[in-house]
Amino acid sequence: MLTIELPSMVAGRAMADALVDALDGDVTGEQVEVDCRHLVSGSPSFAAQLVRRLLVDGGAARVRVVAATTPFADAVTDAAERQGVAQHVSVVRTQAVPA
């Protein structure tokens, strides 16, 4: 399994490209985990490009997004649905922290 660990803030298609490129290899048929433990804010354009690069262009078998905030989880889910790869994405959301 390959892992991408997201920093606290992610935005834009170029940043998604850079993180996928950092995997340094072919993702075809691979399972990729996107670790969102440190993520505070992620843009919809980043989520869309991440889905495109890993699943549509890259041919990954599965992408599992873990510890995602609700807005980022929604952005990933929406992007996967729009790009026709929703069946290859699973999202585990963070637990809400009581105020």
Protein backbone atom coordinates (compact mmCIF):
# COMPACT_ATOMS: atom_id res chain seq x y z
CA MET A 1 0.00 0.00 0.00
CA LEU A 2 1.22 3.48 -0.88
CA THR A 3 0.60 6.40 1.48
CA ILE A 4 0.27 10.11 0.90
CA GLU A 5 0.40 12.15 4.11
CA LEU A 6 -1.28 15.52 3.69
CA PRO A 7 0.05 18.63 5.42
CA SER A 8 -2.25 20.95 7.36
CA MET A 9 -3.35 22.91 4.29
CA VAL A 10 -3.71 21.70 0.71
CA ALA A 11 -4.96 23.68 -2.25
CA GLY A 12 -4.79 23.63 -6.00
CA ARG A 13 -4.15 21.10 -8.67
CA ALA A 14 -0.38 21.67 -8.73
CA MET A 15 -0.05 20.66 -5.08
CA ALA A 16 -2.02 17.45 -5.72
CA ASP A 17 0.25 16.72 -8.69
CA ALA A 18 3.36 17.25 -6.56
CA LEU A 19 2.17 14.88 -3.83
CA VAL A 20 1.26 12.16 -6.33
CA ASP A 21 4.57 12.65 -8.16
CA ALA A 22 6.38 12.23 -4.82
CA LEU A 23 5.14 8.63 -4.70
CA ASP A 24 7.90 8.05 -7.23
CA GLY A 25 6.33 5.25 -9.13
CA ASP A 26 3.44 3.75 -10.99
CA VAL A 27 0.18 3.56 -9.02
CA THR A 28 -1.54 1.22 -11.47
CA GLY A 29 -3.38 -1.47 -9.51
CA GLU A 30 -2.11 -0.12 -6.18
CA GLN A 31 -4.03 0.69 -3.02
CA VAL A 32 -3.32 4.25 -1.95
CA GLU A 33 -4.04 5.62 1.50
CA VAL A 34 -4.41 9.39 1.90
CA ASP A 35 -3.63 10.27 5.51
CA CYS A 36 -5.49 13.43 6.55
CA ARG A 37 -4.62 13.42 10.27
CA HIS A 38 -2.87 16.78 10.03
CA LEU A 39 -5.23 18.34 7.49
CA VAL A 40 -7.08 21.45 8.60
CA SER A 41 -8.15 22.80 5.21
CA GLY A 42 -8.31 21.24 1.75
CA SER A 43 -9.69 22.80 -1.41
CA PRO A 44 -12.15 21.07 -3.75
CA SER A 45 -9.74 21.61 -6.67
CA PHE A 46 -7.02 19.73 -4.76
CA ALA A 47 -9.44 16.88 -4.01
CA ALA A 48 -10.56 16.69 -7.65
CA GLN A 49 -7.00 16.57 -8.97
CA LEU A 50 -5.96 13.99 -6.38
CA VAL A 51 -8.81 11.72 -7.48
CA ARG A 52 -7.99 12.30 -11.15
CA ARG A 53 -4.26 11.63 -10.78
CA LEU A 54 -4.64 8.51 -8.64
CA LEU A 55 -7.68 6.82 -10.14
CA VAL A 56 -8.57 8.24 -13.54
CA ASP A 57 -5.08 8.84 -14.95
CA GLY A 58 -3.06 6.64 -12.61
CA GLY A 59 -5.22 3.52 -12.55
CA ALA A 60 -4.96 2.89 -8.81
CA ALA A 61 -7.20 0.03 -7.66
CA ARG A 62 -8.44 1.84 -4.58
CA VAL A 63 -7.99 5.09 -2.69
CA ARG A 64 -8.72 5.15 1.02
CA VAL A 65 -8.93 8.60 2.61
CA VAL A 66 -8.52 8.43 6.40
CA ALA A 67 -9.14 10.97 9.17
CA ALA A 68 -10.77 13.42 6.75
CA THR A 69 -12.70 16.45 7.90
CA THR A 70 -16.29 16.56 6.67
CA PRO A 71 -15.65 19.30 4.08
CA PHE A 72 -12.64 17.49 2.62
CA ALA A 73 -14.39 14.12 2.72
CA ASP A 74 -17.33 15.66 0.85
CA ALA A 75 -14.98 17.21 -1.73
CA VAL A 76 -13.27 13.85 -2.38
CA THR A 77 -16.60 12.01 -2.59
CA ASP A 78 -18.08 14.61 -4.96
CA ALA A 79 -14.98 14.53 -7.17
CA ALA A 80 -15.01 10.74 -7.33
CA GLU A 81 -18.69 10.71 -8.28
CA ARG A 82 -18.22 13.37 -10.99
CA GLN A 83 -15.28 11.46 -12.45
CA GLY A 84 -17.03 8.08 -12.37
CA VAL A 85 -14.70 6.37 -9.89
CA ALA A 86 -16.72 6.54 -6.67
CA GLN A 87 -16.69 2.74 -6.34
CA HIS A 88 -12.90 2.91 -5.91
CA VAL A 89 -12.90 5.45 -3.07
CA SER A 90 -13.56 4.97 0.63
CA VAL A 91 -13.53 7.81 3.11
CA VAL A 92 -13.12 7.57 6.88
CA ARG A 93 -14.12 10.84 8.51
CA THR A 94 -12.68 12.28 11.70
CA GLN A 95 -14.68 12.10 14.86
CA ALA A 96 -16.15 15.43 15.88
CA VAL A 97 -14.29 16.91 18.82
CA PRO A 98 -16.63 18.29 21.52
CA ALA A 99 -16.29 22.04 22.09
